[in-house]
Amino acid sequence: MTNATAAATGASATERFQADKTHTSDTPPERVGQLAREVLEAVHDTIRKNQVSYAEYDALKAWLIRVGADGEWPLFLDVFVEHVVEEVANAGRSGSKGTIEGPFYVPGAPLSEVEATLPMRPDEKGTPMTFHGVVRAVDGTTLDGAEVDIWHCDDDGFYARFAPGIPEWNLRGRVTTGDKGQFLIRTIQPAPYQIPTDGATGALIRAANWHAWRPAHLHLKVTAPGHLPITTQLYFPGDPHNNDDIASAVKPELMLDPRSSGDGVDVEYDFVLDPA
């Protein structure tokens, strides 16, 4: 399969983001002015503190232009900025920990009740995995009819809809919980991967001598009527990039505990939703 390019990934993420109208905002001008002014003041302070030269300034302008031309703003912002927005947005919750959505979510995945096998190719590579758990409210009440929306990369580190040659809904699906809040999903264990580095974001990573790796993870959105939705990721112990994730999205509370089961692994994780 041809590798996913930064340009193609960025174009897919941008198209999906622009099609989703939930991000439109009626933020008042006073708030816009405050935030824009403080961001610019932080940039000005960095320039003064580090005595930035015109050559460095021109390199920054060229790079910013390339980010836009390559269509990589969703990739760059979701990797380097979103984790702080998520931290602020969810600071007051007492239920499950959230983390970043990232650029690879697509709404409307196939829906099943209680149990689901995610769509996958007949010869899908990877370790079979059963993922199950319970969705509860913070008071311990199990939530019947909650929805668990899951997506993750394949064994080569690629996502359906963002890399060529992968079926539309591969390793993406939704499942509603049963009368005791339970759910069960059969899939394969995802692989660690590098974010696309052939574009502007990769140029920054190389110039700064950073790495581009994300540890293996499951993406999830969990929703239930009358409760706040949670967007999160779950991680696997022993991954070498759990401690230096390029997206700074790993949290101790989001670590799974895989158990051997036949020719695969079994993982359990319960979600606790805050009241709306």
Protein backbone atom coordinates (compact mmCIF):
# COMPACT_ATOMS: atom_id res chain seq x y z
CA MET A 1 0.00 0.00 0.00
CA THR A 2 1.22 3.51 -0.77
CA ASN A 3 2.15 5.47 2.33
CA ALA A 4 -0.12 8.29 3.47
CA THR A 5 1.36 11.66 2.53
CA ALA A 6 1.14 14.79 4.64
CA ALA A 7 -0.68 16.62 1.83
CA ALA A 8 -3.31 13.90 1.40
CA THR A 9 -3.74 13.51 5.14
CA GLY A 10 -4.03 17.26 5.58
CA ALA A 11 -6.56 17.55 2.77
CA SER A 12 -8.73 14.81 4.27
CA ALA A 13 -8.56 16.33 7.75
CA THR A 14 -9.33 19.81 6.42
CA GLU A 15 -12.30 18.57 4.37
CA ARG A 16 -13.72 16.71 7.34
CA PHE A 17 -13.26 19.69 9.66
CA GLN A 18 -14.89 22.11 7.25
CA ALA A 19 -17.85 19.77 6.77
CA ASP A 20 -18.45 19.65 10.54
CA LYS A 21 -20.41 22.79 11.47
CA THR A 22 -20.19 22.16 15.23
CA HIS A 23 -16.94 24.15 15.37
CA THR A 24 -18.59 27.45 14.37
CA SER A 25 -18.41 29.98 17.20
CA ASP A 26 -20.26 33.11 18.27
CA THR A 27 -17.34 34.28 20.42
CA PRO A 28 -17.84 37.99 21.22
CA PRO A 29 -15.34 40.48 19.74
CA GLU A 30 -13.99 41.36 23.19
CA ARG A 31 -12.97 37.74 23.77
CA VAL A 32 -11.44 37.45 20.29
CA GLY A 33 -9.48 40.65 20.88
CA GLN A 34 -8.19 39.48 24.25
CA LEU A 35 -7.03 36.08 22.98
CA ALA A 36 -5.48 37.45 19.79
CA ARG A 37 -3.66 40.20 21.71
CA GLU A 38 -2.23 37.79 24.28
CA VAL A 39 -1.06 35.33 21.62
CA LEU A 40 0.67 38.13 19.72
CA GLU A 41 2.22 39.46 22.93
CA ALA A 42 3.63 35.99 23.64
CA VAL A 43 5.14 35.94 20.13
CA HIS A 44 6.59 39.43 20.65
CA ASP A 45 8.10 38.40 23.99
CA THR A 46 9.71 35.34 22.38
CA ILE A 47 11.23 37.50 19.65
CA ARG A 48 12.66 39.96 22.18
CA LYS A 49 13.88 37.29 24.59
CA ASN A 50 15.68 35.34 21.88
CA GLN A 51 16.80 38.31 19.72
CA VAL A 52 15.21 36.77 16.62
CA SER A 53 16.96 37.84 13.41
CA TYR A 54 15.38 38.80 10.11
CA ALA A 55 16.72 35.57 8.60
CA GLU A 56 14.92 33.56 11.29
CA TYR A 57 11.77 35.67 10.85
CA ASP A 58 11.80 35.07 7.09
CA ALA A 59 12.27 31.33 7.69
CA LEU A 60 9.20 31.41 9.96
CA LYS A 61 7.14 33.22 7.31
CA ALA A 62 8.20 30.70 4.66
CA TRP A 63 7.28 27.81 6.95
CA LEU A 64 3.86 29.28 7.85
CA ILE A 65 3.10 29.76 4.16
CA ARG A 66 4.09 26.14 3.51
CA VAL A 67 1.86 24.83 6.32
CA GLY A 68 -1.12 26.48 4.61
CA ALA A 69 -0.07 25.41 1.11
CA ASP A 70 0.37 21.81 2.28
CA GLY A 71 -3.02 21.86 4.03
CA GLU A 72 -1.37 20.83 7.30
CA TRP A 73 -3.00 23.18 9.82
CA PRO A 74 -5.28 20.41 11.21
CA LEU A 75 -2.28 18.09 11.59
CA PHE A 76 -0.03 20.72 13.17
CA LEU A 77 -2.66 22.13 15.56
CA ASP A 78 -3.99 18.74 16.67
CA VAL A 79 -0.47 17.43 17.34
CA PHE A 80 1.06 20.46 19.06
CA VAL A 81 -1.79 22.56 20.47
CA GLU A 82 -4.93 20.50 21.09
CA HIS A 83 -3.68 18.75 24.24
CA VAL A 84 -3.64 22.06 26.15
CA VAL A 85 -7.13 23.03 24.92
CA GLU A 86 -8.39 19.61 26.08
CA GLU A 87 -6.69 20.02 29.45
CA VAL A 88 -8.44 23.35 30.04
CA ALA A 89 -11.81 22.22 28.67
CA ASN A 90 -12.03 19.12 30.87
CA ALA A 91 -10.33 20.41 34.04
CA GLY A 92 -13.53 20.35 36.10
CA ARG A 93 -14.64 16.80 35.32
CA SER A 94 -14.76 14.05 37.92
CA GLY A 95 -15.40 11.17 35.50
CA SER A 96 -13.10 9.54 32.96
CA LYS A 97 -10.06 11.38 31.69
CA GLY A 98 -10.17 12.78 28.20
CA THR A 99 -7.42 13.56 25.74
CA ILE A 100 -7.12 14.86 22.19
CA GLU A 101 -9.39 13.87 19.32
CA GLY A 102 -6.66 14.29 16.72
CA PRO A 103 -7.21 14.84 13.00
CA PHE A 104 -8.46 11.36 12.03
CA TYR A 105 -12.02 11.21 13.38
CA VAL A 106 -14.88 10.61 10.91
CA PRO A 107 -18.51 10.70 12.16
CA GLY A 108 -21.15 8.21 11.11
CA ALA A 109 -19.28 4.90 11.47
CA PRO A 110 -21.36 1.67 11.31
CA LEU A 111 -23.54 1.19 14.41
CA SER A 112 -24.10 -2.06 16.35
CA GLU A 113 -25.80 -2.94 19.63
CA VAL A 114 -23.81 -4.19 22.66
CA GLU A 115 -21.33 -6.26 20.59
CA ALA A 116 -19.50 -5.33 17.41
CA THR A 117 -16.73 -6.60 15.19
CA LEU A 118 -15.16 -3.60 13.53
CA PRO A 119 -15.13 -3.64 9.73
CA MET A 120 -11.80 -4.99 8.53
CA ARG A 121 -10.22 -6.61 5.51
CA PRO A 122 -10.37 -10.42 5.23
CA ASP A 123 -6.57 -10.54 5.54
CA GLU A 124 -6.27 -7.77 8.14
CA LYS A 125 -2.84 -7.95 9.75
CA GLY A 126 -2.34 -7.62 13.48
CA THR A 127 -3.02 -9.23 16.83
CA PRO A 128 -6.74 -9.95 17.41
CA MET A 129 -8.08 -7.92 20.29
CA THR A 130 -11.30 -7.97 22.31
CA PHE A 131 -12.10 -4.68 24.00
CA HIS A 132 -14.92 -4.55 26.53
CA GLY A 133 -16.16 -2.59 29.50
CA VAL A 134 -19.04 -0.72 31.10
CA VAL A 135 -20.25 2.88 30.78
CA ARG A 136 -21.38 4.42 34.08
CA ALA A 137 -22.43 7.75 35.51
CA VAL A 138 -20.31 9.31 38.26
CA ASP A 139 -22.78 8.01 40.86
CA GLY A 140 -22.11 4.44 39.69
CA THR A 141 -25.35 3.98 37.73
CA THR A 142 -24.77 1.96 34.57
CA LEU A 143 -25.87 3.70 31.38
CA ASP A 144 -28.02 1.68 28.99
CA GLY A 145 -27.98 3.03 25.44
CA ALA A 146 -24.72 4.93 25.73
CA GLU A 147 -22.70 5.04 22.51
CA VAL A 148 -19.05 4.05 22.22
CA ASP A 149 -17.51 5.38 18.99
CA ILE A 150 -14.09 3.83 18.28
CA TRP A 151 -11.48 4.28 15.56
CA HIS A 152 -7.81 3.38 15.29
CA CYS A 153 -5.00 2.74 12.83
CA ASP A 154 -4.13 -0.61 11.29
CA ASP A 155 -1.04 -2.73 11.89
CA ASP A 156 0.93 -0.49 9.48
CA GLY A 157 -0.06 2.68 11.32
CA PHE A 158 -2.57 3.97 8.73
CA TYR A 159 -6.16 5.19 9.17
CA ALA A 160 -9.06 4.50 6.83
CA ARG A 161 -10.13 7.65 4.96
CA PHE A 162 -6.67 9.16 5.44
CA ALA A 163 -4.48 6.73 3.51
CA PRO A 164 -4.99 5.15 0.08
CA GLY A 165 -6.13 1.57 -0.48
CA ILE A 166 -8.02 1.10 2.81
CA PRO A 167 -11.79 0.40 2.84
CA GLU A 168 -13.92 3.36 3.94
CA TRP A 169 -14.85 2.21 7.45
CA ASN A 170 -11.91 -0.08 8.17
CA LEU A 171 -11.35 -0.33 11.95
CA ARG A 172 -14.07 2.24 12.68
CA GLY A 173 -17.39 1.58 14.38
CA ARG A 174 -19.95 2.50 17.02
CA VAL A 175 -21.66 0.29 19.59
CA THR A 176 -24.52 1.05 21.99
CA THR A 177 -24.36 -0.35 25.52
CA GLY A 178 -26.71 -2.97 26.91
CA ASP A 179 -29.00 -2.85 29.94
CA LYS A 180 -26.06 -2.94 32.37
CA GLY A 181 -23.99 -0.44 30.43
CA GLN A 182 -21.82 -3.15 28.92
CA PHE A 183 -20.19 -3.22 25.48
CA LEU A 184 -17.81 -5.54 23.60
CA ILE A 185 -15.76 -4.75 20.48
CA ARG A 186 -13.64 -7.16 18.46
CA THR A 187 -10.81 -5.62 16.44
CA ILE A 188 -7.00 -5.80 16.12
CA GLN A 189 -4.39 -4.16 18.31
CA PRO A 190 -3.22 -0.90 16.70
CA ALA A 191 0.42 -0.13 15.99
CA PRO A 192 2.57 2.86 16.91
CA TYR A 193 3.13 5.20 13.99
CA GLN A 194 4.89 8.34 12.85
CA ILE A 195 2.76 11.31 11.84
CA PRO A 196 3.31 12.23 8.16
CA THR A 197 6.66 13.99 7.87
CA ASP A 198 6.97 14.77 4.15
CA GLY A 199 5.36 18.22 4.53
CA ALA A 200 5.73 21.39 6.60
CA THR A 201 5.13 19.73 9.97
CA GLY A 202 7.87 17.21 9.21
CA ALA A 203 10.20 20.06 8.22
CA LEU A 204 9.74 21.62 11.65
CA ILE A 205 10.28 18.26 13.38
CA ARG A 206 13.55 17.72 11.51
CA ALA A 207 14.76 21.28 12.06
CA ALA A 208 14.11 20.98 15.80
CA ASN A 209 15.59 17.46 15.97
CA TRP A 210 12.36 16.04 17.41
CA HIS A 211 10.86 12.62 16.69
CA ALA A 212 7.47 12.11 15.00
CA TRP A 213 6.16 9.05 16.85
CA ARG A 214 2.82 8.44 18.49
CA PRO A 215 2.45 5.37 20.75
CA ALA A 216 -0.15 2.74 19.85
CA HIS A 217 -3.62 3.86 20.92
CA LEU A 218 -7.36 3.49 20.54
CA HIS A 219 -9.47 6.59 19.87
CA LEU A 220 -12.90 6.81 21.52
CA LYS A 221 -15.87 9.11 21.90
CA VAL A 222 -18.38 8.03 24.55
CA THR A 223 -21.79 9.69 24.78
CA ALA A 224 -25.05 9.16 26.69
CA PRO A 225 -28.22 11.27 27.02
CA GLY A 226 -28.04 13.69 29.94
CA HIS A 227 -24.27 13.35 30.28
CA LEU A 228 -21.22 15.18 29.01
CA PRO A 229 -19.50 13.39 26.13
CA ILE A 230 -15.90 12.32 26.56
CA THR A 231 -13.25 12.11 23.83
CA THR A 232 -10.21 10.09 24.79
CA GLN A 233 -7.47 7.66 23.78
CA LEU A 234 -6.32 4.46 25.45
CA TYR A 235 -2.71 3.29 25.42
CA PHE A 236 -0.73 0.06 25.79
CA PRO A 237 2.00 -0.47 28.42
CA GLY A 238 5.55 -0.95 27.22
CA ASP A 239 5.33 1.30 24.17
CA PRO A 240 8.64 3.21 23.92
CA HIS A 241 6.81 6.46 23.12
CA ASN A 242 4.32 6.49 25.98
CA ASN A 243 6.67 8.89 27.77
CA ASP A 244 7.54 11.15 24.82
CA ASP A 245 4.44 11.15 22.61
CA ILE A 246 4.83 13.83 19.92
CA ALA A 247 1.22 14.91 20.63
CA SER A 248 1.67 15.03 24.44
CA ALA A 249 -1.64 13.15 24.83
CA VAL A 250 -0.74 10.18 27.09
CA LYS A 251 -2.07 10.18 30.68
CA PRO A 252 -1.50 7.47 33.33
CA GLU A 253 -5.25 7.00 33.76
CA LEU A 254 -5.57 6.02 30.10
CA MET A 255 -3.23 3.02 30.21
CA LEU A 256 -4.76 -0.37 29.42
CA ASP A 257 -3.87 -3.74 30.98
CA PRO A 258 -3.88 -6.27 28.11
CA ARG A 259 -4.28 -9.95 28.99
CA SER A 260 -3.39 -12.86 26.69
CA SER A 261 -6.47 -14.61 25.29
CA GLY A 262 -6.09 -17.41 22.77
CA ASP A 263 -4.17 -16.05 19.80
CA GLY A 264 -4.87 -12.44 20.79
CA VAL A 265 -5.34 -10.07 23.70
CA ASP A 266 -8.25 -9.04 25.91
CA VAL A 267 -8.53 -5.50 27.28
CA GLU A 268 -11.11 -4.04 29.66
CA TYR A 269 -11.81 -0.39 30.34
CA ASP A 270 -14.82 1.30 31.96
CA PHE A 271 -15.95 4.84 31.19
CA VAL A 272 -17.48 7.23 33.73
CA LEU A 273 -19.49 10.17 32.36
CA ASP A 274 -20.19 13.42 34.16
CA PRO A 275 -23.74 14.80 34.24
CA ALA A 276 -24.52 17.46 31.63
